[in-house]
Amino acid sequence: MLRAALAIVAVWGSTVAASDGPERDAYPNIWLNPGFLSYHFDRDADLREDNLGLGAEIEFNADHVLMGGAFMNSEDERSHYFGYQWRPLHWVVGGADVHVGLVAAGLDGYPRKNDGDWFFVALPLLAVQGDRLGVNLTVIPTIEDQVYGSIALQFRLRVW
């Protein structure tokens, strides 16, 4: 599954420079996503890696993004999230905008963390995006007996 996701990103990356979509610097932008793909560090655990759901981001400018959504988490429970992305570092690589920063979010639905109730996370973020397509990549650390660590990939589609 991770190989397929990486292949999709490679194909997308080769076409992003040729996109005739809207101007990327026009704000605000609204992005939708179908949840996450995750690759867990504990390969022996029987965890879900296709964390399907629906999420949205409102990109106010290159540095500030609000996000929220719901998805089926790695433990087959429904999770909800609401958060903020701070992306202070920016580059253009091969015609794609690259942003690096942090995500601060509230998250629920993990039975081993607060009995499934809300908790706070702060995670590193790499966002790569063209005019219409983008990806978010983050690393979720393992918190023993609470959260399984993983690399999470999220595909995004700009709808406005």
Protein backbone atom coordinates (compact mmCIF):
# COMPACT_ATOMS: atom_id res chain seq x y z
CA MET A 1 0.00 0.00 0.00
CA LEU A 2 2.77 2.48 0.86
CA ARG A 3 4.52 1.67 -2.43
CA ALA A 4 1.31 2.41 -4.34
CA ALA A 5 0.92 5.71 -2.50
CA LEU A 6 4.51 6.68 -3.29
CA ALA A 7 3.96 5.79 -6.96
CA ILE A 8 0.90 8.05 -7.05
CA VAL A 9 2.91 10.88 -5.51
CA ALA A 10 5.69 10.39 -8.09
CA VAL A 11 3.24 10.49 -11.00
CA TRP A 12 1.51 13.51 -9.52
CA GLY A 13 4.83 15.25 -8.95
CA SER A 14 5.80 14.82 -12.59
CA THR A 15 2.58 16.51 -13.76
CA VAL A 16 2.17 19.28 -11.19
CA ALA A 17 4.28 21.79 -13.13
CA ALA A 18 2.02 21.42 -16.17
CA SER A 19 -1.17 22.17 -14.25
CA ASP A 20 -3.42 24.94 -15.60
CA GLY A 21 -5.35 25.29 -12.33
CA PRO A 22 -6.09 28.50 -10.42
CA GLU A 23 -3.42 30.80 -9.05
CA ARG A 24 -1.97 29.21 -5.89
CA ASP A 25 -1.34 32.54 -4.18
CA ALA A 26 -5.06 33.46 -4.14
CA TYR A 27 -6.38 32.91 -0.61
CA PRO A 28 -8.27 31.48 1.13
CA ASN A 29 -8.05 27.97 -0.35
CA ILE A 30 -10.21 25.02 0.64
CA TRP A 31 -8.81 21.49 0.43
CA LEU A 32 -10.63 18.17 0.96
CA ASN A 33 -9.06 14.83 1.81
CA PRO A 34 -10.24 11.19 2.02
CA GLY A 35 -8.48 10.42 5.32
CA PHE A 36 -4.98 8.99 5.74
CA LEU A 37 -2.74 6.14 4.69
CA SER A 38 -0.46 5.03 7.50
CA TYR A 39 2.59 2.83 7.77
CA HIS A 40 2.99 1.60 11.35
CA PHE A 41 6.35 1.05 12.97
CA ASP A 42 5.04 -2.03 14.83
CA ARG A 43 4.59 -4.35 11.85
CA ASP A 44 3.45 -7.23 14.11
CA ALA A 45 0.39 -5.38 15.40
CA ASP A 46 -2.82 -5.97 13.45
CA LEU A 47 -3.50 -2.32 12.62
CA ARG A 48 -5.58 -0.65 9.95
CA GLU A 49 -3.44 1.32 7.50
CA ASP A 50 -6.17 2.68 5.22
CA ASN A 51 -7.65 5.25 7.56
CA LEU A 52 -10.50 6.43 5.34
CA GLY A 53 -12.68 9.40 6.21
CA LEU A 54 -13.34 12.98 5.20
CA GLY A 55 -11.38 16.06 6.14
CA ALA A 56 -11.08 19.69 5.12
CA GLU A 57 -8.49 22.43 5.35
CA ILE A 58 -8.90 26.18 5.06
CA GLU A 59 -5.58 27.63 3.93
CA PHE A 60 -5.57 31.33 4.90
CA ASN A 61 -2.05 31.83 3.54
CA ALA A 62 1.12 29.78 3.11
CA ASP A 63 1.79 29.82 6.88
CA HIS A 64 -1.65 29.32 8.49
CA VAL A 65 -4.15 26.52 7.93
CA LEU A 66 -7.18 25.31 9.94
CA MET A 67 -8.13 21.66 9.57
CA GLY A 68 -10.79 19.25 10.74
CA GLY A 69 -12.36 15.92 9.89
CA ALA A 70 -13.15 12.34 10.83
CA PHE A 71 -11.62 9.00 9.84
CA MET A 72 -11.43 5.33 10.81
CA ASN A 73 -8.27 5.12 12.90
CA SER A 74 -5.72 2.35 13.03
CA GLU A 75 -7.62 0.58 15.82
CA ASP A 76 -10.87 0.46 13.77
CA GLU A 77 -12.51 3.24 15.77
CA ARG A 78 -13.96 6.52 14.49
CA SER A 79 -11.68 9.48 15.22
CA HIS A 80 -12.35 13.20 14.89
CA TYR A 81 -9.78 15.97 14.72
CA PHE A 82 -9.64 19.74 14.69
CA GLY A 83 -6.39 21.62 14.47
CA TYR A 84 -4.05 24.26 13.17
CA GLN A 85 -1.06 23.99 10.85
CA TRP A 86 1.78 26.46 11.24
CA ARG A 87 4.03 26.16 8.16
CA PRO A 88 6.76 28.84 8.37
CA LEU A 89 9.27 27.24 5.95
CA HIS A 90 8.60 27.31 2.18
CA TRP A 91 10.26 26.25 -1.06
CA VAL A 92 9.25 25.63 -4.66
CA VAL A 93 10.57 22.29 -5.92
CA GLY A 94 9.81 21.10 -9.45
CA GLY A 95 6.86 23.46 -9.69
CA ALA A 96 5.31 22.30 -6.41
CA ASP A 97 5.02 24.37 -3.23
CA VAL A 98 6.73 22.69 -0.28
CA HIS A 99 5.82 23.77 3.25
CA VAL A 100 7.37 22.53 6.51
CA GLY A 101 5.98 23.17 9.96
CA LEU A 102 3.92 21.79 12.82
CA VAL A 103 0.37 20.57 13.39
CA ALA A 104 -1.32 21.25 16.72
CA ALA A 105 -4.61 19.39 17.01
CA GLY A 106 -7.21 17.82 19.23
CA LEU A 107 -7.99 14.18 18.45
CA ASP A 108 -10.30 11.52 19.83
CA GLY A 109 -11.27 7.89 19.24
CA TYR A 110 -8.17 6.03 20.41
CA PRO A 111 -9.32 3.61 23.15
CA ARG A 112 -5.87 3.28 24.77
CA LYS A 113 -5.46 7.09 25.03
CA ASN A 114 -7.84 8.80 27.50
CA ASP A 115 -10.37 5.98 27.01
CA GLY A 116 -11.12 7.34 23.54
CA ASP A 117 -11.73 10.90 24.73
CA TRP A 118 -10.05 14.02 23.28
CA PHE A 119 -6.31 14.64 23.63
CA PHE A 120 -3.79 17.10 22.22
CA VAL A 121 -1.08 16.30 19.65
CA ALA A 122 1.77 18.33 18.18
CA LEU A 123 3.36 16.74 15.11
CA PRO A 124 5.85 17.69 12.39
CA LEU A 125 4.33 18.39 8.97
CA LEU A 126 5.59 18.31 5.39
CA ALA A 127 3.02 19.61 2.88
CA VAL A 128 3.63 19.43 -0.87
CA GLN A 129 1.04 20.93 -3.20
CA GLY A 130 0.36 22.07 -6.71
CA ASP A 131 -2.60 24.06 -7.95
CA ARG A 132 -5.19 21.35 -7.28
CA LEU A 133 -3.44 18.32 -5.73
CA GLY A 134 -1.39 18.03 -2.59
CA VAL A 135 -0.13 15.69 0.09
CA ASN A 136 0.53 16.04 3.80
CA LEU A 137 3.12 13.82 5.46
CA THR A 138 3.67 13.51 9.21
CA VAL A 139 5.32 11.20 11.70
CA ILE A 140 3.29 10.03 14.69
CA PRO A 141 5.52 8.90 17.55
CA THR A 142 4.87 5.70 19.46
CA ILE A 143 3.54 6.37 22.95
CA GLU A 144 3.82 3.04 24.72
CA ASP A 145 0.45 1.54 25.75
CA GLN A 146 -1.38 4.58 24.28
CA VAL A 147 -0.66 5.28 20.59
CA TYR A 148 0.92 3.19 17.84
CA GLY A 149 3.54 5.19 15.93
CA SER A 150 3.39 5.57 12.17
CA ILE A 151 4.15 7.63 9.12
CA ALA A 152 0.89 9.14 7.87
CA LEU A 153 0.22 10.29 4.31
CA GLN A 154 -2.83 12.34 3.36
CA PHE A 155 -3.81 13.17 -0.23
CA ARG A 156 -5.57 16.51 -0.73
CA LEU A 157 -7.71 18.07 -3.46
CA ARG A 158 -8.19 21.82 -3.71
CA VAL A 159 -11.86 22.58 -4.32
CA TRP A 160 -11.75 26.39 -3.95
